[in-house]
Amino acid sequence: MPIEVFYILGLLAVICVAFLVFRRPIYECMFYGYVLMIICTGEWSNFFTYIGKTSTDTLFYAIVAFLVLAKILDATHAVDTVVAIICSIFGRLRGGAGYTAIIGSTFMGALSGSGAGNVATTGVFTIPAMKKSGFPAHLAANVEASSSTMGNMIPPAGVIVAALACYNEFSGAEMSQSTFWIVCWGIALWFILQRIVTMYIFCRVYKVKPMEKEDIPSIKETLKAGWKNLFLPVVILLPFVLDYFFKSTFFTARLGTGAGNLSSSLLLFTPGLAAIYALIVAKNKPKPKEMVETIKSSVTGVVPVATTIFFAYCISNLFAATDVGAQIGIFIQSWNLPNVALAFIIPLITAILGMVLPGSAQTKIFGVTIISVFAAAGGNPLLVAAMLPVITGAMEGMTPPLALCMYTAMGIAGAGMKETTKNCLVWIGCHYILSVLCLLGLLPIMGL
């Protein structure tokens, strides 16, 4: 067994002990893990080299930009109006509050990149609405938790950015962000459908009713108040869609080699465009001073997540320079497992890692290795890269016993641990089975 395997075990051990025993925040645990890896690899002379490389990584700053965007959207109440519109449309269906949770939380989760944070913001509205229409508390908690974590696998979530970086490192070339996003959306559509079907079945089992008429917002009033916010996804996604479909026929013809620079810069300026649009259409426009205060107050939410990702990037850069990931990949390849076996085993491993490591950290540390292993077994590396957020980010907050999204939703719903955990395992099982089917290439996926 190569020494690099023990490096990984040591990394996980330090993070687990610091997080579970000493109750240190996860970003601090990641720093301790980075220091340990420096010691193990003897890379003290390059301690600040890997930090400097991360500090100049544009994809890291794109993740931070979207984290800040989520806070701005929260301050302008853009998400509240979108959720109200969704509720006014689906509230009349049996389990309508659940459909609102799935659609609204998925949308918000993609912007925030934080499953637990998304549960806390949208769950305070959707969970009481679900309970009032007949959802058992544990089911309402899991509908919200599984919907919120799904946002981490849908562009422009930060895990998507990390997965793209892994694919670029594996291929040695820069993949178009737009192309990668289209594939991620193609995968996400299957999982959105799975969440809807799963909830539909549970609604029949528990005989859930539509929302009470007095609790359903008026479609006319909600559209009048917030129809402009419905264009937020368009503002965010349209540049990538245009780049994907017209890069070779339109942009390259006019910009030449500059078309590639346009593609690679989309992630950096799109959050700014979305923030400006949200501020322009906000009903009660915050004053500049109020906006500054909002951003200042959001630092405590953005910085811990950004710092966790930062040190995960540092560890990833260290592993790349010292071939740790490559050696582990060679070790796994020596097992000569077929693609079918890997499709079953790798999601189980990432689910276990998700109990401790954030999805973005998992992806950045192990992503290239996972892609390499699948590619060596005959898998499609682009498909595997686009599946990384599915088996890391989406599983991160819903895998007991350290399921932060489940705990957050459970607290809002007032649900018990035993029944919530049992129900959660059903959602995890469905997610796992669909992940295997996708990794095996058995489902048609847009963009591939």
Protein backbone atom coordinates (compact mmCIF):
# COMPACT_ATOMS: atom_id res chain seq x y z
CA MET A 1 0.00 0.00 0.00
CA PRO A 2 1.55 3.34 -1.02
CA ILE A 3 2.42 5.90 1.65
CA GLU A 4 0.05 8.38 0.00
CA VAL A 5 -2.94 6.35 1.23
CA PHE A 6 -1.76 6.91 4.81
CA TYR A 7 -1.48 10.63 4.04
CA ILE A 8 -5.20 10.67 3.20
CA LEU A 9 -6.09 8.65 6.29
CA GLY A 10 -4.04 11.04 8.42
CA LEU A 11 -5.75 14.03 6.80
CA LEU A 12 -9.20 12.64 7.55
CA ALA A 13 -8.19 11.69 11.09
CA VAL A 14 -6.94 15.20 11.91
CA ILE A 15 -10.08 16.81 10.49
CA CYS A 16 -12.36 14.37 12.34
CA VAL A 17 -10.60 14.75 15.69
CA ALA A 18 -10.41 18.54 15.47
CA PHE A 19 -14.05 18.82 14.37
CA LEU A 20 -15.72 16.13 16.48
CA VAL A 21 -13.57 15.96 19.60
CA PHE A 22 -12.26 19.51 19.99
CA ARG A 23 -15.29 21.16 18.31
CA ARG A 24 -13.16 23.40 16.11
CA PRO A 25 -14.77 25.07 13.07
CA ILE A 26 -14.32 23.17 9.81
CA TYR A 27 -12.16 25.89 8.20
CA GLU A 28 -9.70 25.62 11.10
CA CYS A 29 -9.73 21.84 10.74
CA MET A 30 -8.84 22.20 7.06
CA PHE A 31 -5.87 24.38 8.00
CA TYR A 32 -4.62 21.74 10.43
CA GLY A 33 -5.01 19.20 7.65
CA TYR A 34 -2.94 21.37 5.33
CA VAL A 35 -0.17 21.70 7.94
CA LEU A 36 -0.16 17.93 8.47
CA MET A 37 0.17 17.31 4.73
CA ILE A 38 3.09 19.77 4.58
CA ILE A 39 4.79 17.82 7.37
CA CYS A 40 4.12 14.43 5.78
CA THR A 41 5.37 15.46 2.34
CA GLY A 42 8.30 17.52 3.66
CA GLU A 43 7.19 20.54 1.64
CA TRP A 44 7.98 23.20 4.29
CA SER A 45 9.90 25.29 1.78
CA ASN A 46 6.73 25.53 -0.34
CA PHE A 47 4.32 26.23 2.52
CA PHE A 48 3.46 29.70 1.17
CA THR A 49 3.86 28.67 -2.47
CA TYR A 50 0.65 26.65 -2.42
CA ILE A 51 -1.12 29.41 -0.50
CA GLY A 52 0.05 31.92 -3.09
CA LYS A 53 -1.13 29.73 -5.96
CA THR A 54 -4.59 29.45 -4.40
CA SER A 55 -4.65 33.22 -3.85
CA THR A 56 -4.29 33.79 -7.60
CA ASP A 57 -6.82 31.15 -8.68
CA THR A 58 -9.67 32.91 -10.51
CA LEU A 59 -12.04 29.99 -9.92
CA PHE A 60 -11.63 30.44 -6.16
CA TYR A 61 -12.64 34.09 -6.46
CA ALA A 62 -15.63 33.09 -8.58
CA ILE A 63 -16.87 30.93 -5.70
CA VAL A 64 -16.50 33.86 -3.30
CA ALA A 65 -18.34 36.13 -5.75
CA PHE A 66 -21.35 33.83 -5.80
CA LEU A 67 -21.33 33.58 -2.00
CA VAL A 68 -21.54 37.38 -1.81
CA LEU A 69 -24.26 37.40 -4.49
CA ALA A 70 -26.39 35.12 -2.32
CA LYS A 71 -26.18 37.64 0.54
CA ILE A 72 -27.20 40.49 -1.77
CA LEU A 73 -30.18 38.51 -3.04
CA ASP A 74 -31.18 37.85 0.55
CA ALA A 75 -30.93 41.57 1.39
CA THR A 76 -33.11 42.55 -1.58
CA HIS A 77 -35.69 39.83 -0.73
CA ALA A 78 -35.45 38.54 -4.29
CA VAL A 79 -35.68 34.94 -3.14
CA ASP A 80 -38.75 35.60 -0.96
CA THR A 81 -40.73 36.89 -3.93
CA VAL A 82 -39.65 33.97 -6.14
CA VAL A 83 -40.70 31.43 -3.49
CA ALA A 84 -44.06 33.20 -3.12
CA ILE A 85 -44.66 32.97 -6.88
CA ILE A 86 -43.78 29.27 -6.92
CA CYS A 87 -46.09 28.69 -3.96
CA SER A 88 -48.97 30.51 -5.67
CA ILE A 89 -48.59 28.21 -8.68
CA PHE A 90 -48.08 24.83 -7.00
CA GLY A 91 -49.86 25.36 -3.69
CA ARG A 92 -53.15 24.03 -5.07
CA LEU A 93 -51.66 20.63 -5.85
CA ARG A 94 -51.55 17.81 -3.33
CA GLY A 95 -48.22 18.34 -1.60
CA GLY A 96 -47.92 21.75 -3.25
CA ALA A 97 -45.84 23.13 -0.41
CA GLY A 98 -43.34 20.34 -1.08
CA TYR A 99 -43.06 21.25 -4.75
CA THR A 100 -42.45 24.82 -3.66
CA ALA A 101 -39.64 23.58 -1.41
CA ILE A 102 -38.06 21.52 -4.18
CA ILE A 103 -38.11 24.26 -6.82
CA GLY A 104 -37.41 27.23 -4.56
CA SER A 105 -34.71 25.58 -2.47
CA THR A 106 -32.99 24.12 -5.51
CA PHE A 107 -32.83 27.56 -7.12
CA MET A 108 -31.60 29.29 -3.96
CA GLY A 109 -29.16 26.50 -3.13
CA ALA A 110 -27.51 26.87 -6.52
CA LEU A 111 -26.82 30.52 -5.73
CA SER A 112 -25.76 30.20 -2.11
CA GLY A 113 -23.63 27.05 -2.37
CA SER A 114 -24.55 26.31 1.25
CA GLY A 115 -27.09 23.57 1.80
CA ALA A 116 -27.51 24.21 5.52
CA GLY A 117 -27.70 27.97 4.96
CA ASN A 118 -30.34 27.43 2.32
CA VAL A 119 -32.41 25.28 4.67
CA ALA A 120 -32.24 28.05 7.25
CA THR A 121 -33.41 30.76 4.82
CA THR A 122 -36.07 29.03 2.70
CA GLY A 123 -36.96 26.29 5.17
CA VAL A 124 -38.51 28.70 7.68
CA PHE A 125 -41.19 29.32 5.03
CA THR A 126 -41.56 25.96 3.27
CA ILE A 127 -41.38 23.60 6.26
CA PRO A 128 -44.28 25.18 8.24
CA ALA A 129 -46.31 25.31 5.00
CA MET A 130 -45.66 21.61 4.39
CA LYS A 131 -46.60 20.65 7.96
CA LYS A 132 -49.81 22.64 7.76
CA SER A 133 -50.86 20.75 4.62
CA GLY A 134 -50.35 17.34 6.24
CA PHE A 135 -46.66 16.54 5.85
CA PRO A 136 -45.30 14.67 8.87
CA ALA A 137 -42.55 16.74 10.50
CA HIS A 138 -39.79 14.28 9.52
CA LEU A 139 -40.91 14.21 5.87
CA ALA A 140 -41.11 18.02 5.68
CA ALA A 141 -37.57 18.20 7.08
CA ASN A 142 -36.18 15.76 4.53
CA VAL A 143 -37.95 17.31 1.54
CA GLU A 144 -36.35 20.64 2.41
CA ALA A 145 -32.94 19.16 3.25
CA SER A 146 -32.69 17.03 0.10
CA SER A 147 -33.89 19.93 -2.05
CA SER A 148 -31.42 22.38 -0.52
CA THR A 149 -28.41 20.09 -0.93
CA MET A 150 -29.35 19.56 -4.57
CA GLY A 151 -28.52 23.21 -5.17
CA ASN A 152 -24.85 22.31 -4.73
CA MET A 153 -24.90 20.31 -7.97
CA ILE A 154 -26.58 22.95 -10.11
CA PRO A 155 -24.69 25.87 -11.72
CA PRO A 156 -23.51 28.34 -10.56
CA ALA A 157 -22.83 26.51 -7.26
CA GLY A 158 -19.25 26.68 -6.02
CA VAL A 159 -18.79 22.89 -6.17
CA ILE A 160 -19.42 23.10 -9.93
CA VAL A 161 -16.53 25.54 -10.24
CA ALA A 162 -14.25 23.22 -8.29
CA ALA A 163 -15.28 20.27 -10.46
CA LEU A 164 -14.47 22.23 -13.62
CA ALA A 165 -11.02 23.01 -12.21
CA CYS A 166 -10.46 19.29 -11.62
CA TYR A 167 -11.42 18.44 -15.19
CA ASN A 168 -9.13 21.12 -16.55
CA GLU A 169 -6.26 19.77 -14.46
CA PHE A 170 -6.96 16.20 -15.63
CA SER A 171 -7.24 17.07 -19.32
CA GLY A 172 -4.42 19.61 -19.38
CA ALA A 173 -6.63 21.99 -21.36
CA GLU A 174 -9.27 24.55 -20.45
CA MET A 175 -12.81 23.27 -20.87
CA SER A 176 -15.43 25.84 -21.84
CA GLN A 177 -17.37 26.83 -18.72
CA SER A 178 -20.54 26.96 -20.78
CA THR A 179 -20.10 23.42 -22.08
CA PHE A 180 -19.50 22.14 -18.58
CA TRP A 181 -22.55 23.96 -17.21
CA ILE A 182 -24.81 22.48 -19.89
CA VAL A 183 -23.70 18.96 -18.93
CA CYS A 184 -24.28 19.74 -15.23
CA TRP A 185 -27.77 20.97 -16.02
CA GLY A 186 -28.42 17.83 -18.04
CA ILE A 187 -27.52 15.73 -15.00
CA ALA A 188 -29.42 17.95 -12.57
CA LEU A 189 -32.69 17.56 -14.47
CA TRP A 190 -32.71 13.85 -13.65
CA PHE A 191 -32.21 14.52 -9.95
CA ILE A 192 -34.88 17.22 -9.84
CA LEU A 193 -37.25 14.68 -11.41
CA GLN A 194 -36.18 12.09 -8.86
CA ARG A 195 -36.93 14.45 -5.95
CA ILE A 196 -40.36 15.26 -7.40
CA VAL A 197 -41.26 11.58 -7.95
CA THR A 198 -40.03 10.59 -4.49
CA MET A 199 -42.07 13.32 -2.84
CA TYR A 200 -45.13 12.45 -4.96
CA ILE A 201 -45.00 8.88 -3.65
CA PHE A 202 -44.57 10.02 -0.05
CA CYS A 203 -47.52 12.41 -0.43
CA ARG A 204 -49.70 9.46 -1.41
CA VAL A 205 -48.37 7.31 1.44
CA TYR A 206 -49.03 10.00 4.07
CA LYS A 207 -52.22 11.29 2.38
CA VAL A 208 -50.90 14.84 2.18
CA LYS A 209 -53.40 17.50 1.13
CA PRO A 210 -53.08 20.71 -0.90
CA MET A 211 -52.29 23.88 1.02
CA GLU A 212 -55.19 25.71 2.64
CA LYS A 213 -56.66 28.29 0.28
CA GLU A 214 -56.03 31.15 2.69
CA ASP A 215 -52.33 30.19 2.83
CA ILE A 216 -51.85 30.25 -0.94
CA PRO A 217 -50.65 33.64 -2.21
CA SER A 218 -52.51 35.22 -5.09
CA ILE A 219 -50.80 34.52 -8.42
CA LYS A 220 -51.75 37.96 -9.66
CA GLU A 221 -50.38 39.75 -6.60
CA THR A 222 -47.17 37.72 -6.35
CA LEU A 223 -46.41 38.19 -10.04
CA LYS A 224 -47.10 41.89 -9.78
CA ALA A 225 -44.76 42.17 -6.79
CA GLY A 226 -41.93 39.96 -7.98
CA TRP A 227 -42.13 39.03 -11.67
CA LYS A 228 -38.91 40.89 -12.39
CA ASN A 229 -37.01 38.60 -10.02
CA LEU A 230 -37.98 35.63 -12.19
CA PHE A 231 -35.41 36.88 -14.70
CA LEU A 232 -32.54 36.37 -12.24
CA PRO A 233 -31.84 32.83 -13.51
CA VAL A 234 -31.87 34.23 -17.05
CA VAL A 235 -29.32 36.93 -16.13
CA ILE A 236 -27.07 34.30 -14.59
CA LEU A 237 -27.43 31.51 -17.14
CA LEU A 238 -27.96 33.35 -20.45
CA PRO A 239 -24.27 34.31 -20.97
CA PHE A 240 -23.25 30.67 -20.59
CA VAL A 241 -26.01 29.39 -22.88
CA LEU A 242 -25.07 31.92 -25.57
CA ASP A 243 -21.40 31.07 -25.23
CA TYR A 244 -22.17 27.34 -25.51
CA PHE A 245 -24.33 27.55 -28.63
CA PHE A 246 -22.71 30.47 -30.47
CA LYS A 247 -19.05 30.48 -29.44
CA SER A 248 -17.74 28.92 -32.66
CA THR A 249 -20.23 30.50 -35.05
CA PHE A 250 -20.55 34.01 -33.62
CA PHE A 251 -18.03 34.96 -30.93
CA THR A 252 -14.95 33.33 -32.45
CA ALA A 253 -15.71 34.89 -35.83
CA ARG A 254 -15.76 38.36 -34.27
CA LEU A 255 -13.29 38.06 -31.40
CA GLY A 256 -10.87 35.45 -32.70
CA THR A 257 -8.76 34.09 -29.86
CA GLY A 258 -10.47 36.59 -27.58
CA ALA A 259 -13.54 34.32 -27.60
CA GLY A 260 -11.66 31.97 -25.29
CA ASN A 261 -10.92 34.81 -22.89
CA LEU A 262 -14.60 35.75 -22.92
CA SER A 263 -15.58 32.19 -22.00
CA SER A 264 -13.11 31.96 -19.14
CA SER A 265 -14.20 35.30 -17.65
CA LEU A 266 -17.94 34.58 -17.53
CA LEU A 267 -17.84 33.21 -13.99
CA LEU A 268 -16.24 36.38 -12.68
CA PHE A 269 -18.55 39.02 -14.10
CA THR A 270 -21.86 37.08 -14.02
CA PRO A 271 -22.33 37.42 -10.21
CA GLY A 272 -21.81 41.18 -10.55
CA LEU A 273 -24.42 41.40 -13.32
CA ALA A 274 -26.92 39.43 -11.23
CA ALA A 275 -26.26 41.60 -8.16
CA ILE A 276 -26.74 44.82 -10.17
CA TYR A 277 -29.97 43.47 -11.66
CA ALA A 278 -31.30 42.45 -8.23
CA LEU A 279 -30.58 45.93 -6.86
CA ILE A 280 -32.23 47.64 -9.85
CA VAL A 281 -35.49 45.66 -9.67
CA ALA A 282 -35.71 45.55 -5.85
CA LYS A 283 -39.01 47.00 -4.68
CA ASN A 284 -37.46 48.70 -1.68
CA LYS A 285 -34.05 49.59 -3.02
CA PRO A 286 -31.45 49.57 -0.26
CA LYS A 287 -29.34 52.69 -0.02
CA PRO A 288 -25.58 52.39 -0.64
CA LYS A 289 -24.87 52.70 3.08
CA GLU A 290 -27.41 49.97 3.86
CA MET A 291 -25.89 47.73 1.20
CA VAL A 292 -22.42 48.19 2.65
CA GLU A 293 -23.74 47.26 6.09
CA THR A 294 -25.44 44.19 4.64
CA ILE A 295 -22.23 42.99 3.03
CA LYS A 296 -20.29 43.72 6.22
CA SER A 297 -22.74 41.71 8.30
CA SER A 298 -22.53 38.81 5.85
CA VAL A 299 -18.78 38.45 6.35
CA THR A 300 -19.31 36.00 9.21
CA GLY A 301 -21.24 33.76 6.82
CA VAL A 302 -19.05 34.09 3.73
CA VAL A 303 -15.56 33.99 5.25
CA PRO A 304 -15.79 30.56 7.01
CA VAL A 305 -17.03 28.89 3.82
CA ALA A 306 -14.46 30.70 1.66
CA THR A 307 -11.66 29.84 4.09
CA THR A 308 -12.62 26.17 4.09
CA ILE A 309 -12.51 26.12 0.29
CA PHE A 310 -9.24 28.09 0.32
CA PHE A 311 -7.35 25.51 2.37
CA ALA A 312 -8.95 22.68 0.40
CA TYR A 313 -7.45 24.31 -2.70
CA CYS A 314 -4.09 24.54 -0.91
CA ILE A 315 -4.19 20.82 -0.11
CA SER A 316 -5.19 20.07 -3.69
CA ASN A 317 -2.27 22.13 -5.05
CA LEU A 318 0.10 20.33 -2.66
CA PHE A 319 -1.22 16.93 -3.76
CA ALA A 320 -0.84 17.87 -7.42
CA ALA A 321 2.76 19.04 -6.96
CA THR A 322 3.78 15.94 -4.99
CA ASP A 323 1.74 13.46 -7.08
CA VAL A 324 -0.21 12.27 -4.04
CA GLY A 325 -3.47 12.11 -5.97
CA ALA A 326 -1.77 10.44 -8.93
CA GLN A 327 -0.24 7.74 -6.73
CA ILE A 328 -3.56 7.00 -5.07
CA GLY A 329 -5.12 6.83 -8.51
CA ILE A 330 -2.49 4.33 -9.64
CA PHE A 331 -3.09 2.29 -6.48
CA ILE A 332 -6.85 2.11 -7.11
CA GLN A 333 -6.26 1.34 -10.78
CA SER A 334 -4.09 -1.60 -9.70
CA TRP A 335 -7.24 -3.24 -8.39
CA ASN A 336 -8.37 -3.47 -12.03
CA LEU A 337 -11.94 -2.70 -11.09
CA PRO A 338 -14.30 -2.30 -14.04
CA ASN A 339 -16.26 0.89 -14.59
CA VAL A 340 -19.38 -0.80 -13.20
CA ALA A 341 -17.72 -1.56 -9.85
CA LEU A 342 -16.33 1.97 -9.58
CA ALA A 343 -19.79 3.43 -10.24
CA PHE A 344 -21.06 1.61 -7.15
CA ILE A 345 -18.02 2.06 -4.89
CA ILE A 346 -16.91 5.69 -5.43
CA PRO A 347 -20.29 7.29 -4.49
CA LEU A 348 -20.26 5.26 -1.28
CA ILE A 349 -16.79 6.55 -0.42
CA THR A 350 -17.73 10.17 -1.11
CA ALA A 351 -20.91 9.77 0.94
CA ILE A 352 -18.78 8.70 3.91
CA LEU A 353 -16.32 11.54 3.32
CA GLY A 354 -19.29 13.91 3.15
CA MET A 355 -19.95 13.29 6.83
CA VAL A 356 -16.82 15.31 7.57
CA LEU A 357 -15.62 17.18 4.47
CA PRO A 358 -17.60 19.86 2.61
CA GLY A 359 -18.42 18.95 -0.98
CA SER A 360 -16.17 21.64 -2.44
CA ALA A 361 -13.25 20.41 -0.32
CA GLN A 362 -13.86 16.80 -1.34
CA THR A 363 -14.02 17.75 -4.99
CA LYS A 364 -10.88 19.84 -4.96
CA ILE A 365 -8.82 17.30 -2.97
CA PHE A 366 -9.97 14.05 -4.59
CA GLY A 367 -11.62 15.18 -7.84
CA VAL A 368 -8.70 14.66 -10.23
CA THR A 369 -8.01 11.22 -8.77
CA ILE A 370 -11.64 10.15 -9.16
CA ILE A 371 -11.74 11.36 -12.78
CA SER A 372 -8.45 9.59 -13.55
CA VAL A 373 -9.59 6.30 -12.03
CA PHE A 374 -12.84 6.26 -13.99
CA ALA A 375 -11.10 7.31 -17.21
CA ALA A 376 -8.58 4.46 -16.83
CA ALA A 377 -11.50 2.03 -16.49
CA GLY A 378 -13.10 3.32 -19.68
CA GLY A 379 -15.44 5.92 -18.19
CA ASN A 380 -16.23 9.28 -19.77
CA PRO A 381 -14.04 11.82 -17.89
CA LEU A 382 -16.36 14.74 -18.68
CA LEU A 383 -19.35 12.84 -17.32
CA VAL A 384 -17.42 11.89 -14.16
CA ALA A 385 -16.25 15.47 -13.63
CA ALA A 386 -19.82 16.78 -13.96
CA MET A 387 -20.97 14.07 -11.52
CA LEU A 388 -18.48 15.15 -8.83
CA PRO A 389 -20.87 17.78 -7.36
CA VAL A 390 -23.61 15.13 -7.31
CA ILE A 391 -21.65 12.61 -5.25
CA THR A 392 -19.87 15.19 -3.07
CA GLY A 393 -21.77 18.48 -2.78
CA ALA A 394 -25.31 17.07 -2.87
CA MET A 395 -24.47 14.27 -0.42
CA GLU A 396 -22.55 16.52 1.95
CA GLY A 397 -25.40 17.78 4.14
CA MET A 398 -27.80 14.83 4.07
CA THR A 399 -25.63 11.86 5.10
CA PRO A 400 -26.06 10.89 8.79
CA PRO A 401 -24.62 11.06 11.37
CA LEU A 402 -23.12 14.47 10.50
CA ALA A 403 -25.88 15.74 8.22
CA LEU A 404 -25.95 19.50 8.80
CA CYS A 405 -28.82 20.10 6.37
CA MET A 406 -30.91 17.38 7.97
CA TYR A 407 -30.22 18.73 11.46
CA THR A 408 -31.09 22.28 10.44
CA ALA A 409 -34.35 21.20 8.79
CA MET A 410 -35.15 18.88 11.69
CA GLY A 411 -34.81 21.79 14.12
CA ILE A 412 -37.19 23.98 12.10
CA ALA A 413 -39.70 21.14 11.69
CA GLY A 414 -39.52 19.97 15.30
CA ALA A 415 -38.99 16.41 14.07
CA GLY A 416 -37.51 13.53 16.03
CA MET A 417 -34.07 12.11 15.26
CA LYS A 418 -35.08 8.47 14.72
CA GLU A 419 -37.91 8.95 12.22
CA THR A 420 -36.07 11.77 10.40
CA THR A 421 -32.94 9.63 9.99
CA LYS A 422 -34.93 6.61 8.75
CA ASN A 423 -36.74 8.74 6.19
CA CYS A 424 -33.49 10.48 5.22
CA LEU A 425 -31.97 7.11 4.28
CA VAL A 426 -34.69 6.66 1.65
CA TRP A 427 -33.78 9.98 0.02
CA ILE A 428 -30.08 9.11 0.17
CA GLY A 429 -30.74 5.67 -1.31
CA CYS A 430 -32.65 7.14 -4.25
CA HIS A 431 -29.91 9.70 -4.82
CA TYR A 432 -27.25 6.98 -4.71
CA ILE A 433 -29.05 4.69 -7.19
CA LEU A 434 -29.55 7.53 -9.66
CA SER A 435 -25.88 8.51 -9.25
CA VAL A 436 -24.82 4.98 -10.21
CA LEU A 437 -27.09 4.99 -13.27
CA CYS A 438 -25.62 8.31 -14.42
CA LEU A 439 -22.01 7.21 -13.86
CA LEU A 440 -22.71 4.07 -15.89
CA GLY A 441 -23.93 6.21 -18.78
CA LEU A 442 -27.34 4.55 -18.79
CA LEU A 443 -29.29 7.82 -18.94
CA PRO A 444 -29.25 10.35 -21.78
CA ILE A 445 -27.63 13.58 -20.60
CA MET A 446 -27.80 16.90 -22.37
CA GLY A 447 -24.41 18.17 -23.54
CA LEU A 448 -22.69 14.77 -23.78
